[in-house]
Amino acid sequence: QLQASGGGSVQAGGSLRLSCTASMIHFSRYVMGWYRQAPGKQRELVADIRNSRIINLSDSVKGRFTISRDSARNSVYLQMNNLKSEDTAVYYCGARFFQSGDVSYWGEGTQVTVSS
């Protein structure tokens, strides 16, 4: 129910924009988030948003990444600027009901590779 796209390979300092489109009813009741998992590491939350309010933004990406949401398109975006090699990971879109701490839906991951 979540379709993510926009990954790729860039050099350090470059930019990428990830998109995720949800096919679910009551989109406004879900917190939409971007997560990432680097090789050998646990999946971590990068940022999440409900309606127009950003709920969480990882310290490691502050000032570089921006999360946004278009409710008319049931979509959430992650604009990634000034990418660093440590941003290399598989990025996942996730949706959790606003009253829940658990992600209910996951999209397929999209690979982001940053070369230094």
C-alpha atoms as a PDB file:
ATOM      1  CA  GLN A   1       0.000   0.000   0.000  1.00  0.00           C
ATOM      2  CA  LEU A   2       3.080   2.192   0.055  1.00  0.00           C
ATOM      3  CA  GLN A   3       5.120   2.762  -3.065  1.00  0.00           C
ATOM      4  CA  ALA A   4       8.481   4.433  -2.655  1.00  0.00           C
ATOM      5  CA  SER A   5      10.789   5.743  -5.349  1.00  0.00           C
ATOM      6  CA  GLY A   6      13.658   8.135  -5.921  1.00  0.00           C
ATOM      7  CA  GLY A   7      16.714   6.334  -4.634  1.00  0.00           C
ATOM      8  CA  GLY A   8      19.974   6.205  -6.514  1.00  0.00           C
ATOM      9  CA  SER A   9      23.684   6.817  -6.412  1.00  0.00           C
ATOM     10  CA  VAL A  10      25.220  10.228  -5.893  1.00  0.00           C
ATOM     11  CA  GLN A  11      28.484  11.733  -4.842  1.00  0.00           C
ATOM     12  CA  ALA A  12      28.910  13.303  -1.448  1.00  0.00           C
ATOM     13  CA  GLY A  13      27.358  16.742  -1.375  1.00  0.00           C
ATOM     14  CA  GLY A  14      24.699  15.780  -3.869  1.00  0.00           C
ATOM     15  CA  SER A  15      20.934  15.648  -3.494  1.00  0.00           C
ATOM     16  CA  LEU A  16      18.135  13.151  -3.927  1.00  0.00           C
ATOM     17  CA  ARG A  17      14.408  13.319  -3.403  1.00  0.00           C
ATOM     18  CA  LEU A  18      12.486  10.293  -2.230  1.00  0.00           C
ATOM     19  CA  SER A  19       8.762   9.948  -2.819  1.00  0.00           C
ATOM     20  CA  CYS A  20       6.219   7.653  -1.254  1.00  0.00           C
ATOM     21  CA  THR A  21       2.608   7.321  -2.326  1.00  0.00           C
ATOM     22  CA  ALA A  22       0.062   5.641  -0.093  1.00  0.00           C
ATOM     23  CA  SER A  23      -3.078   3.893  -1.208  1.00  0.00           C
ATOM     24  CA  MET A  24      -5.148   3.848   1.923  1.00  0.00           C
ATOM     25  CA  ILE A  25      -8.192   5.579   3.260  1.00  0.00           C
ATOM     26  CA  HIS A  26      -7.939   8.133   6.036  1.00  0.00           C
ATOM     27  CA  PHE A  27      -4.429   9.142   5.023  1.00  0.00           C
ATOM     28  CA  SER A  28      -4.660  12.068   7.450  1.00  0.00           C
ATOM     29  CA  ARG A  29      -4.879   9.667  10.379  1.00  0.00           C
ATOM     30  CA  TYR A  30      -1.468   8.209   9.682  1.00  0.00           C
ATOM     31  CA  VAL A  31       1.947   9.458  10.620  1.00  0.00           C
ATOM     32  CA  MET A  32       4.112   9.017   7.555  1.00  0.00           C
ATOM     33  CA  GLY A  33       7.782   8.443   8.062  1.00  0.00           C
ATOM     34  CA  TRP A  34      11.051   7.698   6.393  1.00  0.00           C
ATOM     35  CA  TYR A  35      13.313   5.099   7.911  1.00  0.00           C
ATOM     36  CA  ARG A  36      16.669   3.775   6.833  1.00  0.00           C
ATOM     37  CA  GLN A  37      18.771   0.704   7.395  1.00  0.00           C
ATOM     38  CA  ALA A  38      22.468   0.642   6.713  1.00  0.00           C
ATOM     39  CA  PRO A  39      24.333  -2.667   6.328  1.00  0.00           C
ATOM     40  CA  GLY A  40      24.833  -4.320   9.693  1.00  0.00           C
ATOM     41  CA  LYS A  41      22.707  -1.755  11.503  1.00  0.00           C
ATOM     42  CA  GLN A  42      19.185  -1.601  12.790  1.00  0.00           C
ATOM     43  CA  ARG A  43      16.493   0.276  10.975  1.00  0.00           C
ATOM     44  CA  GLU A  44      16.221   3.815  12.290  1.00  0.00           C
ATOM     45  CA  LEU A  45      13.726   6.624  11.984  1.00  0.00           C
ATOM     46  CA  VAL A  46      14.921   9.495   9.846  1.00  0.00           C
ATOM     47  CA  ALA A  47      11.856  11.731  10.011  1.00  0.00           C
ATOM     48  CA  ASP A  48       8.108  11.534  10.288  1.00  0.00           C
ATOM     49  CA  ILE A  49       5.209  13.858   9.757  1.00  0.00           C
ATOM     50  CA  ARG A  50       1.477  14.002  10.325  1.00  0.00           C
ATOM     51  CA  ASN A  51      -0.520  16.414   8.245  1.00  0.00           C
ATOM     52  CA  SER A  52       1.796  19.444   8.156  1.00  0.00           C
ATOM     53  CA  ARG A  53       3.487  18.855  11.484  1.00  0.00           C
ATOM     54  CA  ILE A  54       6.935  17.303  11.610  1.00  0.00           C
ATOM     55  CA  ILE A  55       6.997  15.020  14.606  1.00  0.00           C
ATOM     56  CA  ASN A  56      10.540  13.673  14.562  1.00  0.00           C
ATOM     57  CA  LEU A  57      13.703  14.562  12.682  1.00  0.00           C
ATOM     58  CA  SER A  58      16.913  12.726  13.380  1.00  0.00           C
ATOM     59  CA  ASP A  59      19.768  14.880  14.633  1.00  0.00           C
ATOM     60  CA  SER A  60      22.016  13.268  12.043  1.00  0.00           C
ATOM     61  CA  VAL A  61      20.048  14.822   9.175  1.00  0.00           C
ATOM     62  CA  LYS A  62      18.937  18.150  10.634  1.00  0.00           C
ATOM     63  CA  GLY A  63      19.789  21.007   8.333  1.00  0.00           C
ATOM     64  CA  ARG A  64      20.206  18.637   5.388  1.00  0.00           C
ATOM     65  CA  PHE A  65      16.973  16.633   4.996  1.00  0.00           C
ATOM     66  CA  THR A  66      13.434  17.921   4.770  1.00  0.00           C
ATOM     67  CA  ILE A  67      10.268  15.857   5.059  1.00  0.00           C
ATOM     68  CA  SER A  68       7.049  17.087   3.517  1.00  0.00           C
ATOM     69  CA  ARG A  69       3.626  15.760   2.736  1.00  0.00           C
ATOM     70  CA  ASP A  70       0.999  16.328   0.070  1.00  0.00           C
ATOM     71  CA  SER A  71      -2.337  15.115   1.357  1.00  0.00           C
ATOM     72  CA  ALA A  72      -4.046  15.705  -1.976  1.00  0.00           C
ATOM     73  CA  ARG A  73      -1.687  13.143  -3.501  1.00  0.00           C
ATOM     74  CA  ASN A  74      -1.455  10.876  -0.428  1.00  0.00           C
ATOM     75  CA  SER A  75       2.280  11.327  -0.714  1.00  0.00           C
ATOM     76  CA  VAL A  76       5.234  12.043   1.494  1.00  0.00           C
ATOM     77  CA  TYR A  77       8.632  13.225   0.363  1.00  0.00           C
ATOM     78  CA  LEU A  78      12.151  13.313   1.707  1.00  0.00           C
ATOM     79  CA  GLN A  79      14.409  15.933   0.206  1.00  0.00           C
ATOM     80  CA  MET A  80      17.995  15.010   0.961  1.00  0.00           C
ATOM     81  CA  ASN A  81      20.678  17.621   0.436  1.00  0.00           C
ATOM     82  CA  ASN A  82      24.391  17.650   1.161  1.00  0.00           C
ATOM     83  CA  LEU A  83      24.409  13.875   1.281  1.00  0.00           C
ATOM     84  CA  LYS A  84      27.198  12.147   3.137  1.00  0.00           C
ATOM     85  CA  SER A  85      28.610   8.651   2.812  1.00  0.00           C
ATOM     86  CA  GLU A  86      27.044   7.765   6.159  1.00  0.00           C
ATOM     87  CA  ASP A  87      23.619   8.382   4.614  1.00  0.00           C
ATOM     88  CA  THR A  88      24.109   5.275   2.493  1.00  0.00           C
ATOM     89  CA  ALA A  89      21.296   2.888   3.351  1.00  0.00           C
ATOM     90  CA  VAL A  90      18.091   1.350   2.177  1.00  0.00           C
ATOM     91  CA  TYR A  91      15.341   3.870   2.812  1.00  0.00           C
ATOM     92  CA  TYR A  92      11.832   2.770   3.695  1.00  0.00           C
ATOM     93  CA  CYS A  93       8.571   4.584   3.810  1.00  0.00           C
ATOM     94  CA  GLY A  94       6.373   3.663   6.765  1.00  0.00           C
ATOM     95  CA  ALA A  95       2.916   4.570   8.006  1.00  0.00           C
ATOM     96  CA  ARG A  96       1.684   4.296  11.560  1.00  0.00           C
ATOM     97  CA  PHE A  97      -1.757   5.135  12.864  1.00  0.00           C
ATOM     98  CA  PHE A  98      -1.484   8.388  14.792  1.00  0.00           C
ATOM     99  CA  GLN A  99      -2.451   6.731  18.091  1.00  0.00           C
ATOM    100  CA  SER A 100       0.032   3.916  17.678  1.00  0.00           C
ATOM    101  CA  GLY A 101       3.765   3.681  18.058  1.00  0.00           C
ATOM    102  CA  ASP A 102       4.022   0.766  15.647  1.00  0.00           C
ATOM    103  CA  VAL A 103       4.332   1.040  11.900  1.00  0.00           C
ATOM    104  CA  SER A 104       1.362  -0.595  10.232  1.00  0.00           C
ATOM    105  CA  TYR A 105       2.517  -0.413   6.645  1.00  0.00           C
ATOM    106  CA  TRP A 106       5.923  -0.553   5.027  1.00  0.00           C
ATOM    107  CA  GLY A 107       6.898   0.253   1.502  1.00  0.00           C
ATOM    108  CA  GLU A 108       9.591  -1.549  -0.371  1.00  0.00           C
ATOM    109  CA  GLY A 109      12.972  -0.074   0.316  1.00  0.00           C
ATOM    110  CA  THR A 110      14.827   2.145  -2.064  1.00  0.00           C
ATOM    111  CA  GLN A 111      18.614   2.144  -2.093  1.00  0.00           C
ATOM    112  CA  VAL A 112      20.540   5.366  -1.552  1.00  0.00           C
ATOM    113  CA  THR A 113      24.270   5.164  -2.122  1.00  0.00           C
ATOM    114  CA  VAL A 114      26.553   8.108  -1.470  1.00  0.00           C
ATOM    115  CA  SER A 115      30.133   7.884  -2.627  1.00  0.00           C
ATOM    116  CA  SER A 116      32.848  10.061  -1.170  1.00  0.00           C
END
